[in-house]
Amino acid sequence: MPFEIPPRLLERLRARRLEQRQLRATRSAAGAPREQAGGNFIDSIRHVFSGASSVDQAAGRYVAAMSSWQDEVEDEYDAFLLDPGMGPMTYLTSDGRVLEDLRGWDGDEIVEVGGLHAHSALIVGARKTGIVELLELIPPPPPGSSVCSTCNGKRVAEPAPGFRMEFPCNECDARGWIDAG
């Protein structure tokens, strides 16, 4: 089920997307050699280990591909990048869907996600973009629900005590609450 994006948040997301595009254009105009877009992350690693590409060449082609995929997804779906990822790139569309672009990771496709994956994308997106209003899209607890005992309502938790890093909570689908029934 898509999230309902308030107009003010949509305005902030559009402004950030424009700012990020201008920044990418400025960087490419600043004289960085333009790499030809190529391959997903897995293929890039294979090329490096096989000796077919240097690390710099593979990284340059991969970054160029990421920029190309980002522009494509943003334009086709009216989407906003939440996380460039160490995995799939994740986006929120203007109509409230969360998309994962798997092409950059393993060469797969663009898929719509829900539940834990969608909530996680909003949590990580809020951290990475600084747009904390993204967290307000996660459904509030309904009457009769209880606070998640794993994350104590924070939506994030350490995978093991003492890990010193928090990730979206699997127990409550990163909502911070558990259904009563």
C-alpha atoms as a PDB file:
ATOM      1  CA  MET A   1       0.000   0.000   0.000  1.00  0.00           C
ATOM      2  CA  PRO A   2       1.521   3.333  -1.018  1.00  0.00           C
ATOM      3  CA  PHE A   3       2.371   6.006   1.509  1.00  0.00           C
ATOM      4  CA  GLU A   4       0.494   9.305   1.401  1.00  0.00           C
ATOM      5  CA  ILE A   5       3.046  12.060   0.898  1.00  0.00           C
ATOM      6  CA  PRO A   6       2.032  15.486   2.231  1.00  0.00           C
ATOM      7  CA  PRO A   7       2.517  18.365  -0.262  1.00  0.00           C
ATOM      8  CA  ARG A   8       5.171  20.038   1.907  1.00  0.00           C
ATOM      9  CA  LEU A   9       7.284  16.857   2.001  1.00  0.00           C
ATOM     10  CA  LEU A  10       6.845  16.395  -1.749  1.00  0.00           C
ATOM     11  CA  GLU A  11       8.104  19.952  -2.214  1.00  0.00           C
ATOM     12  CA  ARG A  12      11.211  19.245  -0.083  1.00  0.00           C
ATOM     13  CA  LEU A  13      11.911  16.023  -1.997  1.00  0.00           C
ATOM     14  CA  ARG A  14      11.611  17.792  -5.359  1.00  0.00           C
ATOM     15  CA  ALA A  15      13.955  20.574  -4.188  1.00  0.00           C
ATOM     16  CA  ARG A  16      16.525  18.039  -2.981  1.00  0.00           C
ATOM     17  CA  ARG A  17      16.327  16.085  -6.253  1.00  0.00           C
ATOM     18  CA  LEU A  18      16.965  19.273  -8.243  1.00  0.00           C
ATOM     19  CA  GLU A  19      19.860  20.239  -5.954  1.00  0.00           C
ATOM     20  CA  GLN A  20      21.441  16.783  -6.306  1.00  0.00           C
ATOM     21  CA  ARG A  21      21.121  16.867 -10.110  1.00  0.00           C
ATOM     22  CA  GLN A  22      22.749  20.285 -10.240  1.00  0.00           C
ATOM     23  CA  LEU A  23      25.570  19.029  -8.013  1.00  0.00           C
ATOM     24  CA  ARG A  24      26.161  15.996 -10.275  1.00  0.00           C
ATOM     25  CA  ALA A  25      26.166  18.253 -13.347  1.00  0.00           C
ATOM     26  CA  THR A  26      28.651  20.633 -11.688  1.00  0.00           C
ATOM     27  CA  ARG A  27      30.965  17.754 -10.814  1.00  0.00           C
ATOM     28  CA  SER A  28      30.926  16.346 -14.329  1.00  0.00           C
ATOM     29  CA  ALA A  29      31.490  19.817 -15.810  1.00  0.00           C
ATOM     30  CA  ALA A  30      34.416  20.377 -13.420  1.00  0.00           C
ATOM     31  CA  GLY A  31      36.621  18.275 -15.618  1.00  0.00           C
ATOM     32  CA  ALA A  32      36.351  14.799 -14.167  1.00  0.00           C
ATOM     33  CA  PRO A  33      36.871  12.419 -17.080  1.00  0.00           C
ATOM     34  CA  ARG A  34      33.513  11.146 -18.295  1.00  0.00           C
ATOM     35  CA  GLU A  35      33.430   7.388 -17.924  1.00  0.00           C
ATOM     36  CA  GLN A  36      31.197   5.288 -20.103  1.00  0.00           C
ATOM     37  CA  ALA A  37      28.438   3.769 -17.978  1.00  0.00           C
ATOM     38  CA  GLY A  38      28.796   0.085 -17.387  1.00  0.00           C
ATOM     39  CA  GLY A  39      27.838  -2.972 -15.431  1.00  0.00           C
ATOM     40  CA  ASN A  40      26.434  -3.706 -12.046  1.00  0.00           C
ATOM     41  CA  PHE A  41      28.440  -3.999  -8.841  1.00  0.00           C
ATOM     42  CA  ILE A  42      28.936  -7.765  -9.058  1.00  0.00           C
ATOM     43  CA  ASP A  43      30.208  -7.538 -12.664  1.00  0.00           C
ATOM     44  CA  SER A  44      32.495  -4.633 -11.714  1.00  0.00           C
ATOM     45  CA  ILE A  45      34.118  -6.735  -8.994  1.00  0.00           C
ATOM     46  CA  ARG A  46      34.527  -9.645 -11.421  1.00  0.00           C
ATOM     47  CA  HIS A  47      36.293  -7.345 -13.904  1.00  0.00           C
ATOM     48  CA  VAL A  48      38.695  -6.103 -11.235  1.00  0.00           C
ATOM     49  CA  PHE A  49      39.578  -9.596  -9.973  1.00  0.00           C
ATOM     50  CA  SER A  50      39.961 -10.980 -13.487  1.00  0.00           C
ATOM     51  CA  GLY A  51      42.338  -8.150 -14.405  1.00  0.00           C
ATOM     52  CA  ALA A  52      40.012  -6.866 -17.152  1.00  0.00           C
ATOM     53  CA  SER A  53      39.713  -3.477 -15.395  1.00  0.00           C
ATOM     54  CA  SER A  54      41.622  -1.500 -12.850  1.00  0.00           C
ATOM     55  CA  VAL A  55      39.812  -0.518  -9.668  1.00  0.00           C
ATOM     56  CA  ASP A  56      39.669   3.104 -10.882  1.00  0.00           C
ATOM     57  CA  GLN A  57      38.226   2.114 -14.262  1.00  0.00           C
ATOM     58  CA  ALA A  58      35.615  -0.209 -12.759  1.00  0.00           C
ATOM     59  CA  ALA A  59      34.640   2.355 -10.126  1.00  0.00           C
ATOM     60  CA  GLY A  60      34.338   5.132 -12.717  1.00  0.00           C
ATOM     61  CA  ARG A  61      32.098   3.029 -14.953  1.00  0.00           C
ATOM     62  CA  TYR A  62      29.970   1.937 -12.009  1.00  0.00           C
ATOM     63  CA  VAL A  63      29.480   5.501 -10.713  1.00  0.00           C
ATOM     64  CA  ALA A  64      28.553   6.652 -14.233  1.00  0.00           C
ATOM     65  CA  ALA A  65      26.022   3.815 -14.443  1.00  0.00           C
ATOM     66  CA  MET A  66      24.561   4.712 -11.036  1.00  0.00           C
ATOM     67  CA  SER A  67      24.074   8.322 -12.149  1.00  0.00           C
ATOM     68  CA  SER A  68      22.427   7.152 -15.357  1.00  0.00           C
ATOM     69  CA  TRP A  69      20.098   4.734 -13.515  1.00  0.00           C
ATOM     70  CA  GLN A  70      19.236   7.422 -10.961  1.00  0.00           C
ATOM     71  CA  ASP A  71      18.237   9.924 -13.659  1.00  0.00           C
ATOM     72  CA  GLU A  72      16.233   7.229 -15.447  1.00  0.00           C
ATOM     73  CA  VAL A  73      14.286   6.122 -12.354  1.00  0.00           C
ATOM     74  CA  GLU A  74      13.709   9.667 -11.129  1.00  0.00           C
ATOM     75  CA  ASP A  75      12.329  10.704 -14.526  1.00  0.00           C
ATOM     76  CA  GLU A  76      10.277   7.598 -15.324  1.00  0.00           C
ATOM     77  CA  TYR A  77       8.672   7.210 -11.876  1.00  0.00           C
ATOM     78  CA  ASP A  78       8.851  10.803 -10.575  1.00  0.00           C
ATOM     79  CA  ALA A  79      10.982   9.329  -7.811  1.00  0.00           C
ATOM     80  CA  PHE A  80      13.395  10.577  -5.175  1.00  0.00           C
ATOM     81  CA  LEU A  81      16.602   8.756  -4.245  1.00  0.00           C
ATOM     82  CA  LEU A  82      16.555   7.732  -0.596  1.00  0.00           C
ATOM     83  CA  ASP A  83      19.691   5.585  -0.563  1.00  0.00           C
ATOM     84  CA  PRO A  84      22.297   4.911  -3.251  1.00  0.00           C
ATOM     85  CA  GLY A  85      22.963   1.771  -1.215  1.00  0.00           C
ATOM     86  CA  MET A  86      25.567  -0.857  -0.760  1.00  0.00           C
ATOM     87  CA  GLY A  87      22.956  -2.981  -2.408  1.00  0.00           C
ATOM     88  CA  PRO A  88      19.940  -1.797  -4.350  1.00  0.00           C
ATOM     89  CA  MET A  89      19.330   1.915  -4.835  1.00  0.00           C
ATOM     90  CA  THR A  90      16.047   2.828  -3.110  1.00  0.00           C
ATOM     91  CA  TYR A  91      13.531   5.476  -4.102  1.00  0.00           C
ATOM     92  CA  LEU A  92      10.253   6.970  -2.958  1.00  0.00           C
ATOM     93  CA  THR A  93       7.901   7.873  -5.804  1.00  0.00           C
ATOM     94  CA  SER A  94       5.652  10.930  -5.757  1.00  0.00           C
ATOM     95  CA  ASP A  95       2.649   8.591  -5.589  1.00  0.00           C
ATOM     96  CA  GLY A  96       3.985   6.975  -2.404  1.00  0.00           C
ATOM     97  CA  ARG A  97       5.565   3.738  -3.614  1.00  0.00           C
ATOM     98  CA  VAL A  98       9.011   2.543  -2.538  1.00  0.00           C
ATOM     99  CA  LEU A  99      11.166   1.103  -5.307  1.00  0.00           C
ATOM    100  CA  GLU A 100      14.388  -0.885  -5.179  1.00  0.00           C
ATOM    101  CA  ASP A 101      16.551  -0.710  -8.284  1.00  0.00           C
ATOM    102  CA  LEU A 102      18.363  -4.023  -8.303  1.00  0.00           C
ATOM    103  CA  ARG A 103      20.141  -3.369 -11.611  1.00  0.00           C
ATOM    104  CA  GLY A 104      23.145  -1.790  -9.913  1.00  0.00           C
ATOM    105  CA  TRP A 105      23.602  -4.648  -7.505  1.00  0.00           C
ATOM    106  CA  ASP A 106      23.061  -7.848  -9.433  1.00  0.00           C
ATOM    107  CA  GLY A 107      21.719  -6.718 -12.790  1.00  0.00           C
ATOM    108  CA  ASP A 108      18.107  -7.565 -12.000  1.00  0.00           C
ATOM    109  CA  GLU A 109      15.180  -5.142 -12.228  1.00  0.00           C
ATOM    110  CA  ILE A 110      13.233  -2.371 -10.501  1.00  0.00           C
ATOM    111  CA  VAL A 111      10.719  -3.712  -7.971  1.00  0.00           C
ATOM    112  CA  GLU A 112       8.161  -2.170  -5.634  1.00  0.00           C
ATOM    113  CA  VAL A 113       8.619  -3.160  -1.979  1.00  0.00           C
ATOM    114  CA  GLY A 114       6.501  -2.908   1.137  1.00  0.00           C
ATOM    115  CA  GLY A 115       6.635  -3.722   4.843  1.00  0.00           C
ATOM    116  CA  LEU A 116      10.095  -3.937   6.382  1.00  0.00           C
ATOM    117  CA  HIS A 117      11.850  -3.050   3.103  1.00  0.00           C
ATOM    118  CA  ALA A 118       9.730   0.084   2.582  1.00  0.00           C
ATOM    119  CA  HIS A 119       9.982   1.216   6.205  1.00  0.00           C
ATOM    120  CA  SER A 120      13.740   0.565   6.183  1.00  0.00           C
ATOM    121  CA  ALA A 121      14.099   2.669   3.038  1.00  0.00           C
ATOM    122  CA  LEU A 122      12.314   5.562   4.757  1.00  0.00           C
ATOM    123  CA  ILE A 123      14.469   5.252   7.894  1.00  0.00           C
ATOM    124  CA  VAL A 124      17.729   5.076   5.950  1.00  0.00           C
ATOM    125  CA  GLY A 125      16.492   7.803   3.586  1.00  0.00           C
ATOM    126  CA  ALA A 126      15.742  10.109   6.517  1.00  0.00           C
ATOM    127  CA  ARG A 127      19.284   9.560   7.809  1.00  0.00           C
ATOM    128  CA  LYS A 128      21.000  10.002   4.458  1.00  0.00           C
ATOM    129  CA  THR A 129      18.957  12.911   3.109  1.00  0.00           C
ATOM    130  CA  GLY A 130      18.385  14.734   6.382  1.00  0.00           C
ATOM    131  CA  ILE A 131      14.654  14.874   5.593  1.00  0.00           C
ATOM    132  CA  VAL A 132      13.346  13.484   8.874  1.00  0.00           C
ATOM    133  CA  GLU A 133       9.727  14.021   7.785  1.00  0.00           C
ATOM    134  CA  LEU A 134      10.110  10.781   5.824  1.00  0.00           C
ATOM    135  CA  LEU A 135       9.687   8.981   9.160  1.00  0.00           C
ATOM    136  CA  GLU A 136       6.187  10.445   9.469  1.00  0.00           C
ATOM    137  CA  LEU A 137       5.117   8.263   6.513  1.00  0.00           C
ATOM    138  CA  ILE A 138       5.543   5.102   8.613  1.00  0.00           C
ATOM    139  CA  PRO A 139       2.109   4.226  10.022  1.00  0.00           C
ATOM    140  CA  PRO A 140       1.488   5.244  13.634  1.00  0.00           C
ATOM    141  CA  PRO A 141       0.544   2.564  16.151  1.00  0.00           C
ATOM    142  CA  PRO A 142      -3.135   1.621  16.065  1.00  0.00           C
ATOM    143  CA  PRO A 143      -5.204   1.338  19.250  1.00  0.00           C
ATOM    144  CA  GLY A 144      -4.333  -1.817  21.155  1.00  0.00           C
ATOM    145  CA  SER A 145      -0.852  -2.185  19.703  1.00  0.00           C
ATOM    146  CA  SER A 146       2.212  -2.374  21.915  1.00  0.00           C
ATOM    147  CA  VAL A 147       5.692  -0.901  21.749  1.00  0.00           C
ATOM    148  CA  CYS A 148       8.172  -3.275  20.141  1.00  0.00           C
ATOM    149  CA  SER A 149      10.276  -4.888  22.860  1.00  0.00           C
ATOM    150  CA  THR A 150      13.266  -5.274  20.525  1.00  0.00           C
ATOM    151  CA  CYS A 151      13.659  -1.637  19.472  1.00  0.00           C
ATOM    152  CA  ASN A 152      11.652   0.007  22.274  1.00  0.00           C
ATOM    153  CA  GLY A 153       9.704   2.006  19.700  1.00  0.00           C
ATOM    154  CA  LYS A 154      12.817   3.508  18.030  1.00  0.00           C
ATOM    155  CA  ARG A 155      12.323   1.488  14.803  1.00  0.00           C
ATOM    156  CA  VAL A 156      16.034   0.573  14.860  1.00  0.00           C
ATOM    157  CA  ALA A 157      17.980  -1.841  17.045  1.00  0.00           C
ATOM    158  CA  GLU A 158      21.389  -3.466  17.374  1.00  0.00           C
ATOM    159  CA  PRO A 159      21.385  -6.937  15.763  1.00  0.00           C
ATOM    160  CA  ALA A 160      23.160  -8.177  18.905  1.00  0.00           C
ATOM    161  CA  PRO A 161      23.872  -6.442  22.231  1.00  0.00           C
ATOM    162  CA  GLY A 162      27.113  -4.475  22.063  1.00  0.00           C
ATOM    163  CA  PHE A 163      27.185  -4.391  18.241  1.00  0.00           C
ATOM    164  CA  ARG A 164      27.274  -0.570  18.414  1.00  0.00           C
ATOM    165  CA  MET A 165      25.357  -0.091  15.171  1.00  0.00           C
ATOM    166  CA  GLU A 166      21.619  -0.005  14.746  1.00  0.00           C
ATOM    167  CA  PHE A 167      19.626  -1.300  11.802  1.00  0.00           C
ATOM    168  CA  PRO A 168      15.910  -1.197  11.003  1.00  0.00           C
ATOM    169  CA  CYS A 169      14.144  -3.551  13.408  1.00  0.00           C
ATOM    170  CA  ASN A 170      13.044  -6.877  11.915  1.00  0.00           C
ATOM    171  CA  GLU A 171      10.756  -7.669  14.828  1.00  0.00           C
ATOM    172  CA  CYS A 172       8.260  -4.857  14.143  1.00  0.00           C
ATOM    173  CA  ASP A 173       8.961  -4.241  10.427  1.00  0.00           C
ATOM    174  CA  ALA A 174      10.716  -1.031  11.543  1.00  0.00           C
ATOM    175  CA  ARG A 175       7.428   0.531  12.703  1.00  0.00           C
ATOM    176  CA  GLY A 176       8.276   0.685  16.436  1.00  0.00           C
ATOM    177  CA  TRP A 177       5.086  -1.161  17.410  1.00  0.00           C
ATOM    178  CA  ILE A 178       3.581  -4.651  17.287  1.00  0.00           C
ATOM    179  CA  ASP A 179      -0.018  -5.522  16.397  1.00  0.00           C
ATOM    180  CA  ALA A 180      -2.208  -6.577  19.304  1.00  0.00           C
ATOM    181  CA  GLY A 181      -3.505  -9.687  17.594  1.00  0.00           C
END
